Amino acid sequence: MKIKTIIAVFGVLFSVNAAADVTNAEKLVYKYTSIAQSVNPSFKAPSITDGKIFFNRKFQTASGREAACASCHTNNPANVGKNIVTNKEIPPLAPRVNTKRFTDIDKVEEEFTKHCNDILGADCAPAEKANFIAYLLTETKPTK
């Protein structure tokens, strides 16, 4: 009887943690949407399609290499990725698959700044961030 209770408690804790991470991601979509609308009133709502295009679009980096988010995170952000420079494994980017994503909103901001500057050479626009996270929220199953 005790084992069933412990398993039930872990199940509840895990599902609450996953919901909190998705909630944080949704809060960021709302935040970036609000900022994007204040900068550009014609931006109405995040686009999952535009987020997917942005995720897969290749940019010329400062080092002259072509890279996209998908270069490290694969074409499905629910998959485990691999850093193209270090070959280090990267946990899935999709918050519905990786419950550790979006737990720390400040870290998300830092990572956006770092990766956008590395790949684009500048910070990503609020609309790009809103679209990007909206797309990540739709990916729920790793590709086999």
N, C-alpha and C. Protein backbone atom coordinates (compact mmCIF):
# COMPACT_ATOMS: atom_id res chain seq x y z
N MET A 1 0.82 -1.20 0.00
CA MET A 1 0.00 0.00 0.00
C MET A 1 0.86 1.25 0.00
N LYS A 2 1.96 1.26 0.73
CA LYS A 2 2.82 2.44 0.79
C LYS A 2 3.44 2.73 -0.58
N ILE A 3 3.84 1.71 -1.31
CA ILE A 3 4.45 1.91 -2.62
C ILE A 3 3.47 2.58 -3.57
N LYS A 4 2.22 2.16 -3.57
CA LYS A 4 1.21 2.78 -4.43
C LYS A 4 1.04 4.26 -4.08
N THR A 5 1.07 4.57 -2.81
CA THR A 5 0.93 5.97 -2.37
C THR A 5 2.13 6.79 -2.85
N ILE A 6 3.33 6.25 -2.70
CA ILE A 6 4.54 6.95 -3.14
C ILE A 6 4.50 7.17 -4.65
N ILE A 7 4.12 6.15 -5.41
CA ILE A 7 4.02 6.27 -6.87
C ILE A 7 2.98 7.33 -7.24
N ALA A 8 1.87 7.33 -6.54
CA ALA A 8 0.83 8.33 -6.81
C ALA A 8 1.33 9.74 -6.54
N VAL A 9 2.06 9.92 -5.44
CA VAL A 9 2.61 11.24 -5.11
C VAL A 9 3.61 11.68 -6.17
N PHE A 10 4.51 10.79 -6.60
CA PHE A 10 5.46 11.14 -7.66
C PHE A 10 4.72 11.48 -8.95
N GLY A 11 3.67 10.77 -9.27
CA GLY A 11 2.88 11.07 -10.47
C GLY A 11 2.28 12.46 -10.42
N VAL A 12 1.75 12.84 -9.27
CA VAL A 12 1.17 14.17 -9.09
C VAL A 12 2.26 15.23 -9.19
N LEU A 13 3.38 15.02 -8.53
CA LEU A 13 4.48 15.99 -8.58
C LEU A 13 5.00 16.16 -9.99
N PHE A 14 5.16 15.06 -10.72
CA PHE A 14 5.65 15.14 -12.09
C PHE A 14 4.67 15.92 -12.97
N SER A 15 3.39 15.64 -12.86
CA SER A 15 2.41 16.32 -13.71
C SER A 15 2.29 17.80 -13.34
N VAL A 16 2.43 18.14 -12.08
CA VAL A 16 2.39 19.55 -11.67
C VAL A 16 3.61 20.27 -12.23
N ASN A 17 4.79 19.64 -12.16
CA ASN A 17 6.00 20.24 -12.69
C ASN A 17 5.88 20.46 -14.20
N ALA A 18 5.40 19.49 -14.93
CA ALA A 18 5.23 19.62 -16.39
C ALA A 18 4.25 20.73 -16.71
N ALA A 19 3.16 20.82 -15.97
CA ALA A 19 2.18 21.88 -16.21
C ALA A 19 2.78 23.24 -15.92
N ALA A 20 3.60 23.33 -14.89
CA ALA A 20 4.22 24.61 -14.54
C ALA A 20 5.15 25.07 -15.64
N ASP A 21 5.92 24.16 -16.23
CA ASP A 21 6.85 24.51 -17.29
C ASP A 21 6.10 24.97 -18.54
N VAL A 22 5.04 24.30 -18.89
CA VAL A 22 4.22 24.71 -20.02
C VAL A 22 3.59 26.06 -19.71
N THR A 23 3.15 26.24 -18.49
CA THR A 23 2.58 27.52 -18.08
C THR A 23 3.60 28.64 -18.23
N ASN A 24 4.84 28.41 -17.82
CA ASN A 24 5.89 29.42 -17.99
C ASN A 24 6.10 29.73 -19.46
N ALA A 25 6.12 28.71 -20.30
CA ALA A 25 6.28 28.92 -21.74
C ALA A 25 5.11 29.75 -22.28
N GLU A 26 3.91 29.42 -21.84
CA GLU A 26 2.73 30.18 -22.29
C GLU A 26 2.79 31.63 -21.81
N LYS A 27 3.29 31.84 -20.58
CA LYS A 27 3.45 33.21 -20.06
C LYS A 27 4.44 33.99 -20.92
N LEU A 28 5.50 33.34 -21.34
CA LEU A 28 6.48 34.01 -22.19
C LEU A 28 5.90 34.35 -23.56
N VAL A 29 5.08 33.46 -24.11
CA VAL A 29 4.42 33.77 -25.38
C VAL A 29 3.57 35.02 -25.22
N TYR A 30 2.83 35.09 -24.13
CA TYR A 30 1.99 36.26 -23.86
C TYR A 30 2.85 37.52 -23.71
N LYS A 31 3.93 37.41 -22.94
CA LYS A 31 4.82 38.55 -22.71
C LYS A 31 5.40 39.06 -24.03
N TYR A 32 5.96 38.14 -24.83
CA TYR A 32 6.57 38.55 -26.09
C TYR A 32 5.53 39.07 -27.09
N THR A 33 4.34 38.50 -27.05
CA THR A 33 3.26 39.00 -27.91
C THR A 33 2.91 40.43 -27.53
N SER A 34 2.79 40.70 -26.25
CA SER A 34 2.48 42.06 -25.79
C SER A 34 3.55 43.05 -26.22
N ILE A 35 4.80 42.67 -26.06
CA ILE A 35 5.90 43.55 -26.45
C ILE A 35 5.88 43.75 -27.97
N ALA A 36 5.69 42.66 -28.71
CA ALA A 36 5.67 42.75 -30.18
C ALA A 36 4.54 43.67 -30.65
N GLN A 37 3.39 43.58 -30.00
CA GLN A 37 2.25 44.44 -30.38
C GLN A 37 2.51 45.90 -30.05
N SER A 38 3.24 46.16 -28.97
CA SER A 38 3.55 47.56 -28.64
C SER A 38 4.57 48.14 -29.63
N VAL A 39 5.47 47.30 -30.13
CA VAL A 39 6.47 47.74 -31.11
C VAL A 39 5.85 47.83 -32.51
N ASN A 40 4.99 46.88 -32.82
CA ASN A 40 4.38 46.79 -34.14
C ASN A 40 2.90 46.43 -33.99
N PRO A 41 2.01 47.43 -34.01
CA PRO A 41 0.58 47.17 -33.80
C PRO A 41 -0.05 46.21 -34.82
N SER A 42 0.62 45.99 -35.95
CA SER A 42 0.06 45.05 -36.93
C SER A 42 0.30 43.58 -36.53
N PHE A 43 1.18 43.35 -35.54
CA PHE A 43 1.39 41.99 -35.03
C PHE A 43 0.20 41.65 -34.14
N LYS A 44 -0.61 40.71 -34.60
CA LYS A 44 -1.84 40.38 -33.86
C LYS A 44 -1.67 39.22 -32.88
N ALA A 45 -1.02 38.16 -33.35
CA ALA A 45 -0.90 36.96 -32.52
C ALA A 45 0.28 36.13 -33.01
N PRO A 46 0.84 35.29 -32.14
CA PRO A 46 1.94 34.43 -32.56
C PRO A 46 1.48 33.45 -33.64
N SER A 47 2.41 33.12 -34.50
CA SER A 47 2.15 32.18 -35.59
C SER A 47 3.01 30.93 -35.39
N ILE A 48 2.35 29.80 -35.25
CA ILE A 48 3.08 28.53 -35.12
C ILE A 48 3.87 28.26 -36.39
N THR A 49 3.25 28.57 -37.54
CA THR A 49 3.93 28.37 -38.83
C THR A 49 5.19 29.22 -38.91
N ASP A 50 5.07 30.50 -38.54
CA ASP A 50 6.25 31.37 -38.57
C ASP A 50 7.30 30.91 -37.56
N GLY A 51 6.87 30.38 -36.43
CA GLY A 51 7.80 29.85 -35.44
C GLY A 51 8.58 28.66 -35.98
N LYS A 52 7.88 27.80 -36.70
CA LYS A 52 8.54 26.62 -37.30
C LYS A 52 9.51 27.05 -38.39
N ILE A 53 9.10 28.02 -39.20
CA ILE A 53 9.99 28.54 -40.26
C ILE A 53 11.24 29.14 -39.63
N PHE A 54 11.05 29.95 -38.59
CA PHE A 54 12.19 30.58 -37.90
C PHE A 54 13.12 29.50 -37.33
N PHE A 55 12.56 28.49 -36.71
CA PHE A 55 13.32 27.40 -36.10
C PHE A 55 14.22 26.70 -37.13
N ASN A 56 13.71 26.53 -38.34
CA ASN A 56 14.43 25.79 -39.38
C ASN A 56 15.23 26.68 -40.33
N ARG A 57 15.03 27.99 -40.29
CA ARG A 57 15.70 28.89 -41.23
C ARG A 57 17.19 28.98 -40.91
N LYS A 58 17.99 28.86 -41.97
CA LYS A 58 19.45 28.94 -41.81
C LYS A 58 19.90 30.40 -41.94
N PHE A 59 20.81 30.77 -41.05
CA PHE A 59 21.39 32.10 -41.03
C PHE A 59 22.89 31.98 -41.22
N GLN A 60 23.48 32.99 -41.79
CA GLN A 60 24.93 33.07 -41.89
C GLN A 60 25.45 33.62 -40.58
N THR A 61 26.26 32.85 -39.86
CA THR A 61 26.78 33.31 -38.57
C THR A 61 28.00 34.20 -38.78
N ALA A 62 28.43 34.87 -37.73
CA ALA A 62 29.60 35.74 -37.80
C ALA A 62 30.85 34.98 -38.23
N SER A 63 30.90 33.69 -37.90
CA SER A 63 32.06 32.87 -38.27
C SER A 63 31.99 32.40 -39.72
N GLY A 64 30.90 32.74 -40.40
CA GLY A 64 30.75 32.34 -41.80
C GLY A 64 30.03 31.03 -42.01
N ARG A 65 29.68 30.35 -40.93
CA ARG A 65 28.94 29.09 -41.04
C ARG A 65 27.46 29.36 -41.20
N GLU A 66 26.77 28.44 -41.82
CA GLU A 66 25.31 28.49 -41.84
C GLU A 66 24.80 27.69 -40.66
N ALA A 67 23.83 28.24 -39.95
CA ALA A 67 23.27 27.52 -38.81
C ALA A 67 21.82 27.93 -38.61
N ALA A 68 21.07 27.02 -38.03
CA ALA A 68 19.67 27.24 -37.66
C ALA A 68 19.48 26.64 -36.28
N CYS A 69 18.38 26.97 -35.66
CA CYS A 69 18.06 26.32 -34.38
C CYS A 69 18.08 24.80 -34.57
N ALA A 70 17.53 24.37 -35.71
CA ALA A 70 17.44 22.94 -36.02
C ALA A 70 18.80 22.30 -36.22
N SER A 71 19.84 23.11 -36.45
CA SER A 71 21.18 22.54 -36.63
C SER A 71 21.60 21.75 -35.39
N CYS A 72 21.26 22.25 -34.23
CA CYS A 72 21.59 21.56 -32.97
C CYS A 72 20.40 20.79 -32.41
N HIS A 73 19.20 21.33 -32.59
CA HIS A 73 18.02 20.76 -31.95
C HIS A 73 17.24 19.80 -32.84
N THR A 74 17.75 19.46 -33.99
CA THR A 74 17.11 18.61 -35.02
C THR A 74 15.88 19.32 -35.57
N ASN A 75 15.28 18.73 -36.60
CA ASN A 75 14.10 19.37 -37.19
C ASN A 75 12.85 19.18 -36.35
N ASN A 76 12.97 18.46 -35.25
CA ASN A 76 11.86 18.28 -34.32
C ASN A 76 12.37 18.63 -32.92
N PRO A 77 11.92 19.77 -32.36
CA PRO A 77 12.43 20.17 -31.04
C PRO A 77 12.03 19.25 -29.90
N ALA A 78 11.25 18.20 -30.18
CA ALA A 78 10.94 17.20 -29.16
C ALA A 78 12.02 16.12 -29.11
N ASN A 79 12.93 16.15 -30.07
CA ASN A 79 14.04 15.19 -30.11
C ASN A 79 15.20 15.66 -29.24
N VAL A 80 16.05 14.73 -28.85
CA VAL A 80 17.33 15.07 -28.24
C VAL A 80 18.20 15.61 -29.37
N GLY A 81 18.88 16.72 -29.10
CA GLY A 81 19.74 17.32 -30.11
C GLY A 81 21.20 17.08 -29.79
N LYS A 82 22.05 17.71 -30.62
CA LYS A 82 23.50 17.60 -30.41
C LYS A 82 24.14 18.90 -30.88
N ASN A 83 24.94 19.51 -30.02
CA ASN A 83 25.63 20.74 -30.35
C ASN A 83 26.55 20.51 -31.55
N ILE A 84 26.43 21.36 -32.57
CA ILE A 84 27.22 21.16 -33.80
C ILE A 84 28.70 21.50 -33.62
N VAL A 85 29.05 22.17 -32.56
CA VAL A 85 30.45 22.51 -32.31
C VAL A 85 31.08 21.49 -31.36
N THR A 86 30.40 21.21 -30.24
CA THR A 86 30.99 20.36 -29.19
C THR A 86 30.55 18.90 -29.27
N ASN A 87 29.52 18.62 -30.05
CA ASN A 87 28.89 17.28 -30.12
C ASN A 87 28.24 16.86 -28.81
N LYS A 88 28.10 17.80 -27.88
CA LYS A 88 27.45 17.50 -26.61
C LYS A 88 25.94 17.33 -26.84
N GLU A 89 25.36 16.31 -26.18
CA GLU A 89 23.93 16.06 -26.29
C GLU A 89 23.14 17.20 -25.66
N ILE A 90 22.02 17.56 -26.30
CA ILE A 90 21.16 18.63 -25.81
C ILE A 90 19.77 18.04 -25.54
N PRO A 91 19.25 18.18 -24.34
CA PRO A 91 17.90 17.66 -24.06
C PRO A 91 16.86 18.34 -24.98
N PRO A 92 15.74 17.68 -25.18
CA PRO A 92 14.70 18.26 -26.05
C PRO A 92 14.34 19.69 -25.65
N LEU A 93 14.06 20.49 -26.65
CA LEU A 93 13.72 21.89 -26.46
C LEU A 93 12.23 22.07 -26.15
N ALA A 94 11.40 21.17 -26.63
CA ALA A 94 9.95 21.29 -26.47
C ALA A 94 9.55 21.10 -25.01
N PRO A 95 8.85 22.09 -24.42
CA PRO A 95 8.52 22.00 -22.99
C PRO A 95 7.51 20.91 -22.64
N ARG A 96 6.75 20.42 -23.59
CA ARG A 96 5.81 19.33 -23.29
C ARG A 96 6.53 17.98 -23.23
N VAL A 97 7.77 17.94 -23.72
CA VAL A 97 8.57 16.72 -23.70
C VAL A 97 9.62 16.79 -22.60
N ASN A 98 10.25 17.94 -22.46
CA ASN A 98 11.31 18.14 -21.48
C ASN A 98 10.78 19.08 -20.39
N THR A 99 10.45 18.50 -19.26
CA THR A 99 9.83 19.28 -18.17
C THR A 99 10.80 20.26 -17.52
N LYS A 100 12.09 20.19 -17.87
CA LYS A 100 13.06 21.12 -17.29
C LYS A 100 13.18 22.40 -18.11
N ARG A 101 12.62 22.40 -19.32
CA ARG A 101 12.65 23.61 -20.13
C ARG A 101 11.67 24.62 -19.55
N PHE A 102 12.03 25.86 -19.59
CA PHE A 102 11.18 26.98 -19.17
C PHE A 102 10.89 27.02 -17.67
N THR A 103 11.67 26.28 -16.86
CA THR A 103 11.46 26.36 -15.42
C THR A 103 12.00 27.67 -14.86
N ASP A 104 13.04 28.21 -15.49
CA ASP A 104 13.66 29.44 -15.02
C ASP A 104 13.55 30.49 -16.13
N ILE A 105 12.63 31.41 -15.98
CA ILE A 105 12.35 32.40 -17.03
C ILE A 105 13.58 33.28 -17.28
N ASP A 106 14.34 33.62 -16.24
CA ASP A 106 15.56 34.41 -16.44
C ASP A 106 16.56 33.66 -17.31
N LYS A 107 16.67 32.36 -17.10
CA LYS A 107 17.58 31.54 -17.91
C LYS A 107 17.11 31.51 -19.36
N VAL A 108 15.81 31.45 -19.57
CA VAL A 108 15.26 31.47 -20.94
C VAL A 108 15.69 32.77 -21.62
N GLU A 109 15.56 33.88 -20.91
CA GLU A 109 15.97 35.18 -21.46
C GLU A 109 17.46 35.17 -21.81
N GLU A 110 18.28 34.65 -20.92
CA GLU A 110 19.73 34.57 -21.17
C GLU A 110 20.03 33.72 -22.40
N GLU A 111 19.36 32.58 -22.50
CA GLU A 111 19.59 31.68 -23.63
C GLU A 111 19.14 32.30 -24.95
N PHE A 112 18.01 33.00 -24.94
CA PHE A 112 17.57 33.71 -26.15
C PHE A 112 18.64 34.70 -26.58
N THR A 113 19.11 35.51 -25.63
CA THR A 113 20.11 36.52 -25.95
C THR A 113 21.37 35.86 -26.52
N LYS A 114 21.84 34.83 -25.85
CA LYS A 114 23.06 34.14 -26.28
C LYS A 114 22.89 33.51 -27.66
N HIS A 115 21.85 32.70 -27.83
CA HIS A 115 21.69 31.97 -29.09
C HIS A 115 21.30 32.89 -30.25
N CYS A 116 20.46 33.87 -30.00
CA CYS A 116 20.10 34.79 -31.08
C CYS A 116 21.33 35.55 -31.56
N ASN A 117 22.15 36.00 -30.61
CA ASN A 117 23.37 36.70 -31.00
C ASN A 117 24.35 35.78 -31.71
N ASP A 118 24.47 34.53 -31.27
CA ASP A 118 25.36 33.58 -31.93
C ASP A 118 24.91 33.27 -33.36
N ILE A 119 23.62 33.08 -33.54
CA ILE A 119 23.11 32.66 -34.84
C ILE A 119 22.76 33.85 -35.73
N LEU A 120 22.03 34.83 -35.20
CA LEU A 120 21.57 35.97 -36.00
C LEU A 120 22.53 37.15 -35.98
N GLY A 121 23.35 37.21 -34.96
CA GLY A 121 24.23 38.36 -34.81
C GLY A 121 23.54 39.52 -34.09
N ALA A 122 22.35 39.29 -33.57
CA ALA A 122 21.56 40.29 -32.84
C ALA A 122 20.50 39.57 -32.02
N ASP A 123 19.89 40.29 -31.09
CA ASP A 123 18.82 39.68 -30.30
C ASP A 123 17.62 39.40 -31.21
N CYS A 124 16.89 38.37 -30.93
CA CYS A 124 15.68 38.07 -31.67
C CYS A 124 14.60 39.09 -31.33
N ALA A 125 13.75 39.36 -32.29
CA ALA A 125 12.64 40.29 -32.08
C ALA A 125 11.59 39.63 -31.19
N PRO A 126 10.82 40.42 -30.44
CA PRO A 126 9.77 39.84 -29.59
C PRO A 126 8.79 38.96 -30.38
N ALA A 127 8.44 39.37 -31.60
CA ALA A 127 7.52 38.55 -32.41
C ALA A 127 8.16 37.20 -32.75
N GLU A 128 9.46 37.21 -33.04
CA GLU A 128 10.16 35.95 -33.33
C GLU A 128 10.15 35.04 -32.11
N LYS A 129 10.37 35.62 -30.93
CA LYS A 129 10.36 34.82 -29.69
C LYS A 129 8.97 34.25 -29.42
N ALA A 130 7.94 35.07 -29.61
CA ALA A 130 6.56 34.59 -29.39
C ALA A 130 6.24 33.45 -30.36
N ASN A 131 6.56 33.64 -31.62
CA ASN A 131 6.30 32.60 -32.64
C ASN A 131 7.08 31.32 -32.32
N PHE A 132 8.35 31.48 -31.96
CA PHE A 132 9.23 30.36 -31.66
C PHE A 132 8.68 29.51 -30.52
N ILE A 133 8.32 30.14 -29.41
CA ILE A 133 7.81 29.38 -28.26
C ILE A 133 6.44 28.79 -28.58
N ALA A 134 5.60 29.52 -29.30
CA ALA A 134 4.29 28.97 -29.69
C ALA A 134 4.48 27.69 -30.50
N TYR A 135 5.47 27.69 -31.39
CA TYR A 135 5.77 26.48 -32.15
C TYR A 135 6.27 25.36 -31.24
N LEU A 136 7.20 25.68 -30.33
CA LEU A 136 7.73 24.65 -29.43
C LEU A 136 6.62 23.98 -28.62
N LEU A 137 5.62 24.75 -28.25
CA LEU A 137 4.50 24.20 -27.46
C LEU A 137 3.68 23.18 -28.25
N THR A 138 3.78 23.18 -29.57
CA THR A 138 3.00 22.23 -30.37
C THR A 138 3.70 20.89 -30.55
N GLU A 139 5.00 20.87 -30.32
CA GLU A 139 5.75 19.63 -30.53
C GLU A 139 5.69 18.77 -29.27
N THR A 140 5.11 17.60 -29.40
CA THR A 140 4.87 16.75 -28.24
C THR A 140 5.45 15.35 -28.34
N LYS A 141 5.90 14.98 -29.53
CA LYS A 141 6.39 13.61 -29.70
C LYS A 141 7.73 13.59 -30.43
N PRO A 142 8.72 12.94 -29.84
CA PRO A 142 10.00 12.80 -30.53
C PRO A 142 9.83 11.94 -31.79
N THR A 143 10.66 12.22 -32.79
CA THR A 143 10.69 11.42 -34.01
C THR A 143 11.57 10.22 -33.74
N LYS A 144 11.18 9.10 -34.26
CA LYS A 144 11.99 7.88 -34.03
C LYS A 144 12.96 7.67 -35.14
